[in-house]
Amino acid sequence: MGEAGPFIVHNCVQALARIIVLDQTLNINVHMPVVLSVHDEAAGITAADEAKDALAFTLECMRVPPVWAPDMPLNSEGGFHQSYGKAKK
């Protein structure tokens, strides 16, 4: 593959991740507005008193593998805060 090999593999992996995260983001958006998606992240808006439940739901959605790869191991982590930067763990 030469020098381009790692670059091609990296781009393929990133494209696949984007496809998976897009499906997960659409599922999250059914229950709360997703206002930002960056690489492998999804950020939504919810009322402060619903934040813990919203985070739990989001993490659950992000762990669901695509139907075409049901055995793909996925995991997620997250947080919540009024500031996007402080919500990241």
PDB file of N, CA and C in Angstrom:
ATOM      1  N   MET A   1       0.816  -1.196   0.000  1.00  0.00           N
ATOM      2  CA  MET A   1       0.000   0.000   0.000  1.00  0.00           C
ATOM      3  C   MET A   1       0.857   1.257   0.000  1.00  0.00           C
ATOM      4  N   GLY A   2       2.058   1.153   0.465  1.00  0.00           N
ATOM      5  CA  GLY A   2       2.926   2.321   0.474  1.00  0.00           C
ATOM      6  C   GLY A   2       2.526   3.324   1.537  1.00  0.00           C
ATOM      7  N   GLU A   3       2.897   4.559   1.301  1.00  0.00           N
ATOM      8  CA  GLU A   3       2.623   5.620   2.269  1.00  0.00           C
ATOM      9  C   GLU A   3       1.147   5.991   2.342  1.00  0.00           C
ATOM     10  N   ALA A   4       0.405   5.741   1.299  1.00  0.00           N
ATOM     11  CA  ALA A   4      -1.004   6.111   1.277  1.00  0.00           C
ATOM     12  C   ALA A   4      -1.867   5.132   2.062  1.00  0.00           C
ATOM     13  N   GLY A   5      -1.369   3.940   2.325  1.00  0.00           N
ATOM     14  CA  GLY A   5      -2.161   2.900   2.992  1.00  0.00           C
ATOM     15  C   GLY A   5      -2.803   3.339   4.286  1.00  0.00           C
ATOM     16  N   PRO A   6      -2.023   3.819   5.251  1.00  0.00           N
ATOM     17  CA  PRO A   6      -2.634   4.245   6.517  1.00  0.00           C
ATOM     18  C   PRO A   6      -3.644   5.376   6.335  1.00  0.00           C
ATOM     19  N   PHE A   7      -3.377   6.275   5.425  1.00  0.00           N
ATOM     20  CA  PHE A   7      -4.287   7.390   5.161  1.00  0.00           C
ATOM     21  C   PHE A   7      -5.620   6.877   4.628  1.00  0.00           C
ATOM     22  N   ILE A   8      -5.576   5.929   3.717  1.00  0.00           N
ATOM     23  CA  ILE A   8      -6.802   5.359   3.136  1.00  0.00           C
ATOM     24  C   ILE A   8      -7.596   4.620   4.204  1.00  0.00           C
ATOM     25  N   VAL A   9      -6.918   3.812   5.011  1.00  0.00           N
ATOM     26  CA  VAL A   9      -7.604   3.071   6.076  1.00  0.00           C
ATOM     27  C   VAL A   9      -8.230   4.041   7.069  1.00  0.00           C
ATOM     28  N   HIS A  10      -7.500   5.063   7.461  1.00  0.00           N
ATOM     29  CA  HIS A  10      -8.020   6.058   8.399  1.00  0.00           C
ATOM     30  C   HIS A  10      -9.288   6.719   7.843  1.00  0.00           C
ATOM     31  N   ASN A  11      -9.257   7.116   6.598  1.00  0.00           N
ATOM     32  CA  ASN A  11     -10.427   7.759   5.995  1.00  0.00           C
ATOM     33  C   ASN A  11     -11.616   6.808   5.901  1.00  0.00           C
ATOM     34  N   CYS A  12     -11.367   5.553   5.615  1.00  0.00           N
ATOM     35  CA  CYS A  12     -12.444   4.559   5.557  1.00  0.00           C
ATOM     36  C   CYS A  12     -13.077   4.364   6.930  1.00  0.00           C
ATOM     37  N   VAL A  13     -12.255   4.286   7.956  1.00  0.00           N
ATOM     38  CA  VAL A  13     -12.758   4.120   9.322  1.00  0.00           C
ATOM     39  C   VAL A  13     -13.572   5.341   9.733  1.00  0.00           C
ATOM     40  N   GLN A  14     -13.094   6.534   9.428  1.00  0.00           N
ATOM     41  CA  GLN A  14     -13.816   7.755   9.775  1.00  0.00           C
ATOM     42  C   GLN A  14     -15.151   7.845   9.032  1.00  0.00           C
ATOM     43  N   ALA A  15     -15.172   7.433   7.781  1.00  0.00           N
ATOM     44  CA  ALA A  15     -16.424   7.444   7.013  1.00  0.00           C
ATOM     45  C   ALA A  15     -17.420   6.467   7.612  1.00  0.00           C
ATOM     46  N   LEU A  16     -16.966   5.304   7.990  1.00  0.00           N
ATOM     47  CA  LEU A  16     -17.832   4.306   8.612  1.00  0.00           C
ATOM     48  C   LEU A  16     -18.373   4.823   9.943  1.00  0.00           C
ATOM     49  N   ALA A  17     -17.516   5.438  10.733  1.00  0.00           N
ATOM     50  CA  ALA A  17     -17.954   6.005  12.012  1.00  0.00           C
ATOM     51  C   ALA A  17     -19.023   7.067  11.792  1.00  0.00           C
ATOM     52  N   ARG A  18     -18.857   7.890  10.781  1.00  0.00           N
ATOM     53  CA  ARG A  18     -19.845   8.947  10.493  1.00  0.00           C
ATOM     54  C   ARG A  18     -21.198   8.351  10.138  1.00  0.00           C
ATOM     55  N   ILE A  19     -21.199   7.276   9.369  1.00  0.00           N
ATOM     56  CA  ILE A  19     -22.447   6.612   8.996  1.00  0.00           C
ATOM     57  C   ILE A  19     -23.149   6.080  10.238  1.00  0.00           C
ATOM     58  N   ILE A  20     -22.402   5.455  11.123  1.00  0.00           N
ATOM     59  CA  ILE A  20     -22.979   4.886  12.340  1.00  0.00           C
ATOM     60  C   ILE A  20     -23.508   5.984  13.251  1.00  0.00           C
ATOM     61  N   VAL A  21     -22.710   7.023  13.470  1.00  0.00           N
ATOM     62  CA  VAL A  21     -23.120   8.106  14.362  1.00  0.00           C
ATOM     63  C   VAL A  21     -24.331   8.857  13.798  1.00  0.00           C
ATOM     64  N   LEU A  22     -24.436   8.978  12.497  1.00  0.00           N
ATOM     65  CA  LEU A  22     -25.595   9.653  11.916  1.00  0.00           C
ATOM     66  C   LEU A  22     -26.882   8.909  12.259  1.00  0.00           C
ATOM     67  N   ASP A  23     -26.891   7.595  12.133  1.00  0.00           N
ATOM     68  CA  ASP A  23     -28.080   6.815  12.498  1.00  0.00           C
ATOM     69  C   ASP A  23     -28.406   6.990  13.980  1.00  0.00           C
ATOM     70  N   GLN A  24     -27.391   6.955  14.820  1.00  0.00           N
ATOM     71  CA  GLN A  24     -27.610   7.109  16.252  1.00  0.00           C
ATOM     72  C   GLN A  24     -28.155   8.506  16.566  1.00  0.00           C
ATOM     73  N   THR A  25     -27.625   9.503  15.899  1.00  0.00           N
ATOM     74  CA  THR A  25     -28.064  10.880  16.109  1.00  0.00           C
ATOM     75  C   THR A  25     -29.524  11.056  15.708  1.00  0.00           C
ATOM     76  N   LEU A  26     -29.923  10.415  14.630  1.00  0.00           N
ATOM     77  CA  LEU A  26     -31.332  10.486  14.209  1.00  0.00           C
ATOM     78  C   LEU A  26     -32.249   9.872  15.260  1.00  0.00           C
ATOM     79  N   ASN A  27     -31.809   8.792  15.885  1.00  0.00           N
ATOM     80  CA  ASN A  27     -32.607   8.168  16.949  1.00  0.00           C
ATOM     81  C   ASN A  27     -32.688   9.057  18.182  1.00  0.00           C
ATOM     82  N   ILE A  28     -31.601   9.703  18.529  1.00  0.00           N
ATOM     83  CA  ILE A  28     -31.599  10.620  19.670  1.00  0.00           C
ATOM     84  C   ILE A  28     -32.535  11.792  19.393  1.00  0.00           C
ATOM     85  N   ASN A  29     -32.502  12.286  18.174  1.00  0.00           N
ATOM     86  CA  ASN A  29     -33.286  13.464  17.788  1.00  0.00           C
ATOM     87  C   ASN A  29     -34.795  13.228  17.893  1.00  0.00           C
ATOM     88  N   VAL A  30     -35.221  11.995  17.935  1.00  0.00           N
ATOM     89  CA  VAL A  30     -36.643  11.689  18.100  1.00  0.00           C
ATOM     90  C   VAL A  30     -37.127  12.159  19.476  1.00  0.00           C
ATOM     91  N   HIS A  31     -36.248  12.116  20.483  1.00  0.00           N
ATOM     92  CA  HIS A  31     -36.640  12.448  21.849  1.00  0.00           C
ATOM     93  C   HIS A  31     -36.163  13.803  22.335  1.00  0.00           C
ATOM     94  N   MET A  32     -35.147  14.356  21.705  1.00  0.00           N
ATOM     95  CA  MET A  32     -34.677  15.703  22.055  1.00  0.00           C
ATOM     96  C   MET A  32     -33.935  16.275  20.860  1.00  0.00           C
ATOM     97  N   PRO A  33     -33.955  17.582  20.712  1.00  0.00           N
ATOM     98  CA  PRO A  33     -33.272  18.177  19.567  1.00  0.00           C
ATOM     99  C   PRO A  33     -31.749  18.020  19.660  1.00  0.00           C
ATOM    100  N   VAL A  34     -31.181  17.421  18.639  1.00  0.00           N
ATOM    101  CA  VAL A  34     -29.723  17.359  18.519  1.00  0.00           C
ATOM    102  C   VAL A  34     -29.308  18.627  17.782  1.00  0.00           C
ATOM    103  N   VAL A  35     -28.480  19.418  18.433  1.00  0.00           N
ATOM    104  CA  VAL A  35     -28.117  20.719  17.872  1.00  0.00           C
ATOM    105  C   VAL A  35     -26.691  20.754  17.340  1.00  0.00           C
ATOM    106  N   LEU A  36     -25.924  19.683  17.608  1.00  0.00           N
ATOM    107  CA  LEU A  36     -24.534  19.670  17.175  1.00  0.00           C
ATOM    108  C   LEU A  36     -24.071  18.230  17.025  1.00  0.00           C
ATOM    109  N   SER A  37     -23.375  17.966  15.950  1.00  0.00           N
ATOM    110  CA  SER A  37     -22.752  16.667  15.745  1.00  0.00           C
ATOM    111  C   SER A  37     -21.339  16.924  15.234  1.00  0.00           C
ATOM    112  N   VAL A  38     -20.354  16.437  15.977  1.00  0.00           N
ATOM    113  CA  VAL A  38     -18.958  16.627  15.617  1.00  0.00           C
ATOM    114  C   VAL A  38     -18.281  15.269  15.664  1.00  0.00           C
ATOM    115  N   HIS A  39     -17.796  14.802  14.536  1.00  0.00           N
ATOM    116  CA  HIS A  39     -17.108  13.511  14.443  1.00  0.00           C
ATOM    117  C   HIS A  39     -17.931  12.412  15.107  1.00  0.00           C
ATOM    118  N   ASP A  40     -17.559  12.035  16.320  1.00  0.00           N
ATOM    119  CA  ASP A  40     -18.250  10.947  17.005  1.00  0.00           C
ATOM    120  C   ASP A  40     -19.042  11.457  18.203  1.00  0.00           C
ATOM    121  N   GLU A  41     -19.525  12.683  18.131  1.00  0.00           N
ATOM    122  CA  GLU A  41     -20.274  13.293  19.218  1.00  0.00           C
ATOM    123  C   GLU A  41     -21.636  13.754  18.744  1.00  0.00           C
ATOM    124  N   ALA A  42     -22.577  13.767  19.682  1.00  0.00           N
ATOM    125  CA  ALA A  42     -23.882  14.352  19.436  1.00  0.00           C
ATOM    126  C   ALA A  42     -24.233  15.189  20.657  1.00  0.00           C
ATOM    127  N   ALA A  43     -24.684  16.403  20.456  1.00  0.00           N
ATOM    128  CA  ALA A  43     -25.058  17.289  21.560  1.00  0.00           C
ATOM    129  C   ALA A  43     -26.510  17.702  21.387  1.00  0.00           C
ATOM    130  N   GLY A  44     -27.263  17.570  22.455  1.00  0.00           N
ATOM    131  CA  GLY A  44     -28.675  17.923  22.415  1.00  0.00           C
ATOM    132  C   GLY A  44     -29.009  18.937  23.480  1.00  0.00           C
ATOM    133  N   ILE A  45     -30.231  19.422  23.400  1.00  0.00           N
ATOM    134  CA  ILE A  45     -30.729  20.390  24.369  1.00  0.00           C
ATOM    135  C   ILE A  45     -31.933  19.789  25.069  1.00  0.00           C
ATOM    136  N   THR A  46     -31.932  19.920  26.391  1.00  0.00           N
ATOM    137  CA  THR A  46     -33.057  19.445  27.180  1.00  0.00           C
ATOM    138  C   THR A  46     -33.168  20.298  28.438  1.00  0.00           C
ATOM    139  N   ALA A  47     -34.263  20.177  29.134  1.00  0.00           N
ATOM    140  CA  ALA A  47     -34.440  20.902  30.391  1.00  0.00           C
ATOM    141  C   ALA A  47     -33.470  20.361  31.433  1.00  0.00           C
ATOM    142  N   ALA A  48     -33.029  21.223  32.326  1.00  0.00           N
ATOM    143  CA  ALA A  48     -32.038  20.835  33.336  1.00  0.00           C
ATOM    144  C   ALA A  48     -32.513  19.659  34.178  1.00  0.00           C
ATOM    145  N   ASP A  49     -33.807  19.629  34.510  1.00  0.00           N
ATOM    146  CA  ASP A  49     -34.303  18.537  35.354  1.00  0.00           C
ATOM    147  C   ASP A  49     -34.439  17.213  34.591  1.00  0.00           C
ATOM    148  N   GLU A  50     -34.239  17.238  33.282  1.00  0.00           N
ATOM    149  CA  GLU A  50     -34.299  16.022  32.469  1.00  0.00           C
ATOM    150  C   GLU A  50     -32.913  15.592  31.972  1.00  0.00           C
ATOM    151  N   ALA A  51     -31.878  16.305  32.404  1.00  0.00           N
ATOM    152  CA  ALA A  51     -30.539  16.085  31.861  1.00  0.00           C
ATOM    153  C   ALA A  51     -30.011  14.672  32.117  1.00  0.00           C
ATOM    154  N   LYS A  52     -30.177  14.150  33.314  1.00  0.00           N
ATOM    155  CA  LYS A  52     -29.671  12.803  33.619  1.00  0.00           C
ATOM    156  C   LYS A  52     -30.345  11.750  32.754  1.00  0.00           C
ATOM    157  N   ASP A  53     -31.663  11.840  32.617  1.00  0.00           N
ATOM    158  CA  ASP A  53     -32.390  10.879  31.780  1.00  0.00           C
ATOM    159  C   ASP A  53     -32.016  11.042  30.306  1.00  0.00           C
ATOM    160  N   ALA A  54     -31.845  12.284  29.876  1.00  0.00           N
ATOM    161  CA  ALA A  54     -31.464  12.536  28.488  1.00  0.00           C
ATOM    162  C   ALA A  54     -30.084  11.973  28.191  1.00  0.00           C
ATOM    163  N   LEU A  55     -29.156  12.133  29.134  1.00  0.00           N
ATOM    164  CA  LEU A  55     -27.820  11.575  28.948  1.00  0.00           C
ATOM    165  C   LEU A  55     -27.880  10.053  28.889  1.00  0.00           C
ATOM    166  N   ALA A  56     -28.632   9.441  29.781  1.00  0.00           N
ATOM    167  CA  ALA A  56     -28.755   7.978  29.781  1.00  0.00           C
ATOM    168  C   ALA A  56     -29.328   7.484  28.452  1.00  0.00           C
ATOM    169  N   PHE A  57     -30.343   8.164  27.949  1.00  0.00           N
ATOM    170  CA  PHE A  57     -30.934   7.787  26.664  1.00  0.00           C
ATOM    171  C   PHE A  57     -29.937   7.954  25.526  1.00  0.00           C
ATOM    172  N   THR A  58     -29.210   9.060  25.543  1.00  0.00           N
ATOM    173  CA  THR A  58     -28.216   9.325  24.500  1.00  0.00           C
ATOM    174  C   THR A  58     -27.130   8.248  24.498  1.00  0.00           C
ATOM    175  N   LEU A  59     -26.611   7.919  25.675  1.00  0.00           N
ATOM    176  CA  LEU A  59     -25.571   6.898  25.762  1.00  0.00           C
ATOM    177  C   LEU A  59     -26.090   5.546  25.279  1.00  0.00           C
ATOM    178  N   GLU A  60     -27.330   5.244  25.611  1.00  0.00           N
ATOM    179  CA  GLU A  60     -27.940   3.995  25.144  1.00  0.00           C
ATOM    180  C   GLU A  60     -28.024   3.974  23.617  1.00  0.00           C
ATOM    181  N   CYS A  61     -28.455   5.069  23.021  1.00  0.00           N
ATOM    182  CA  CYS A  61     -28.547   5.153  21.558  1.00  0.00           C
ATOM    183  C   CYS A  61     -27.174   5.013  20.905  1.00  0.00           C
ATOM    184  N   MET A  62     -26.166   5.623  21.503  1.00  0.00           N
ATOM    185  CA  MET A  62     -24.823   5.595  20.918  1.00  0.00           C
ATOM    186  C   MET A  62     -24.176   4.213  21.018  1.00  0.00           C
ATOM    187  N   ARG A  63     -24.754   3.330  21.824  1.00  0.00           N
ATOM    188  CA  ARG A  63     -24.223   1.968  21.969  1.00  0.00           C
ATOM    189  C   ARG A  63     -24.917   0.959  21.073  1.00  0.00           C
ATOM    190  N   VAL A  64     -25.912   1.398  20.330  1.00  0.00           N
ATOM    191  CA  VAL A  64     -26.654   0.490  19.452  1.00  0.00           C
ATOM    192  C   VAL A  64     -25.906   0.334  18.131  1.00  0.00           C
ATOM    193  N   PRO A  65     -25.505  -0.897  17.801  1.00  0.00           N
ATOM    194  CA  PRO A  65     -24.797  -1.101  16.528  1.00  0.00           C
ATOM    195  C   PRO A  65     -25.763  -1.012  15.349  1.00  0.00           C
ATOM    196  N   PRO A  66     -25.238  -0.747  14.173  1.00  0.00           N
ATOM    197  CA  PRO A  66     -26.106  -0.687  12.990  1.00  0.00           C
ATOM    198  C   PRO A  66     -26.668  -2.080  12.672  1.00  0.00           C
ATOM    199  N   VAL A  67     -27.805  -2.112  11.994  1.00  0.00           N
ATOM    200  CA  VAL A  67     -28.453  -3.391  11.676  1.00  0.00           C
ATOM    201  C   VAL A  67     -27.575  -4.261  10.779  1.00  0.00           C
ATOM    202  N   TRP A  68     -26.712  -3.654   9.983  1.00  0.00           N
ATOM    203  CA  TRP A  68     -25.863  -4.420   9.078  1.00  0.00           C
ATOM    204  C   TRP A  68     -24.585  -4.913   9.747  1.00  0.00           C
ATOM    205  N   ALA A  69     -24.391  -4.578  11.036  1.00  0.00           N
ATOM    206  CA  ALA A  69     -23.237  -5.075  11.802  1.00  0.00           C
ATOM    207  C   ALA A  69     -23.673  -5.276  13.257  1.00  0.00           C
ATOM    208  N   PRO A  70     -24.611  -6.196  13.497  1.00  0.00           N
ATOM    209  CA  PRO A  70     -25.214  -6.324  14.827  1.00  0.00           C
ATOM    210  C   PRO A  70     -24.240  -6.717  15.937  1.00  0.00           C
ATOM    211  N   ASP A  71     -23.111  -7.308  15.591  1.00  0.00           N
ATOM    212  CA  ASP A  71     -22.146  -7.722  16.605  1.00  0.00           C
ATOM    213  C   ASP A  71     -21.022  -6.706  16.820  1.00  0.00           C
ATOM    214  N   MET A  72     -21.134  -5.546  16.188  1.00  0.00           N
ATOM    215  CA  MET A  72     -20.091  -4.527  16.329  1.00  0.00           C
ATOM    216  C   MET A  72     -20.103  -3.991  17.758  1.00  0.00           C
ATOM    217  N   PRO A  73     -18.976  -4.100  18.455  1.00  0.00           N
ATOM    218  CA  PRO A  73     -18.945  -3.596  19.839  1.00  0.00           C
ATOM    219  C   PRO A  73     -18.829  -2.072  19.856  1.00  0.00           C
ATOM    220  N   LEU A  74     -19.775  -1.434  20.485  1.00  0.00           N
ATOM    221  CA  LEU A  74     -19.770   0.023  20.594  1.00  0.00           C
ATOM    222  C   LEU A  74     -19.919   0.413  22.060  1.00  0.00           C
ATOM    223  N   ASN A  75     -19.353   1.530  22.410  1.00  0.00           N
ATOM    224  CA  ASN A  75     -19.505   2.063  23.752  1.00  0.00           C
ATOM    225  C   ASN A  75     -19.605   3.574  23.640  1.00  0.00           C
ATOM    226  N   SER A  76     -19.974   4.220  24.709  1.00  0.00           N
ATOM    227  CA  SER A  76     -20.079   5.679  24.682  1.00  0.00           C
ATOM    228  C   SER A  76     -19.877   6.234  26.084  1.00  0.00           C
ATOM    229  N   GLU A  77     -19.567   7.497  26.110  1.00  0.00           N
ATOM    230  CA  GLU A  77     -19.461   8.222  27.370  1.00  0.00           C
ATOM    231  C   GLU A  77     -19.940   9.634  27.117  1.00  0.00           C
ATOM    232  N   GLY A  78     -20.278  10.335  28.167  1.00  0.00           N
ATOM    233  CA  GLY A  78     -20.764  11.684  27.964  1.00  0.00           C
ATOM    234  C   GLY A  78     -20.977  12.411  29.265  1.00  0.00           C
ATOM    235  N   GLY A  79     -21.513  13.579  29.146  1.00  0.00           N
ATOM    236  CA  GLY A  79     -21.799  14.405  30.298  1.00  0.00           C
ATOM    237  C   GLY A  79     -22.809  15.469  29.914  1.00  0.00           C
ATOM    238  N   PHE A  80     -23.151  16.307  30.871  1.00  0.00           N
ATOM    239  CA  PHE A  80     -24.068  17.403  30.564  1.00  0.00           C
ATOM    240  C   PHE A  80     -23.685  18.635  31.367  1.00  0.00           C
ATOM    241  N   HIS A  81     -23.949  19.755  30.761  1.00  0.00           N
ATOM    242  CA  HIS A  81     -23.670  21.052  31.382  1.00  0.00           C
ATOM    243  C   HIS A  81     -24.297  22.117  30.497  1.00  0.00           C
ATOM    244  N   GLN A  82     -24.454  23.297  31.019  1.00  0.00           N
ATOM    245  CA  GLN A  82     -24.971  24.399  30.205  1.00  0.00           C
ATOM    246  C   GLN A  82     -23.963  24.820  29.153  1.00  0.00           C
ATOM    247  N   SER A  83     -22.677  24.556  29.402  1.00  0.00           N
ATOM    248  CA  SER A  83     -21.613  24.886  28.470  1.00  0.00           C
ATOM    249  C   SER A  83     -21.130  23.614  27.767  1.00  0.00           C
ATOM    250  N   TYR A  84     -21.072  23.638  26.460  1.00  0.00           N
ATOM    251  CA  TYR A  84     -20.625  22.468  25.690  1.00  0.00           C
ATOM    252  C   TYR A  84     -19.243  22.004  26.129  1.00  0.00           C
ATOM    253  N   GLY A  85     -18.333  22.910  26.308  1.00  0.00           N
ATOM    254  CA  GLY A  85     -16.974  22.560  26.699  1.00  0.00           C
ATOM    255  C   GLY A  85     -16.897  21.892  28.069  1.00  0.00           C
ATOM    256  N   LYS A  86     -17.757  22.280  28.977  1.00  0.00           N
ATOM    257  CA  LYS A  86     -17.746  21.696  30.314  1.00  0.00           C
ATOM    258  C   LYS A  86     -18.535  20.380  30.383  1.00  0.00           C
ATOM    259  N   ALA A  87     -19.313  20.095  29.360  1.00  0.00           N
ATOM    260  CA  ALA A  87     -20.091  18.853  29.348  1.00  0.00           C
ATOM    261  C   ALA A  87     -19.224  17.672  28.979  1.00  0.00           C
ATOM    262  N   LYS A  88     -18.118  17.926  28.315  1.00  0.00           N
ATOM    263  CA  LYS A  88     -17.230  16.853  27.879  1.00  0.00           C
ATOM    264  C   LYS A  88     -16.400  16.353  29.044  1.00  0.00           C
ATOM    265  N   LYS A  89     -16.333  15.040  29.148  1.00  0.00           N
ATOM    266  CA  LYS A  89     -15.561  14.452  30.247  1.00  0.00           C
ATOM    267  C   LYS A  89     -14.196  14.066  29.789  1.00  0.00           C
TER     268      LYS A  89
END
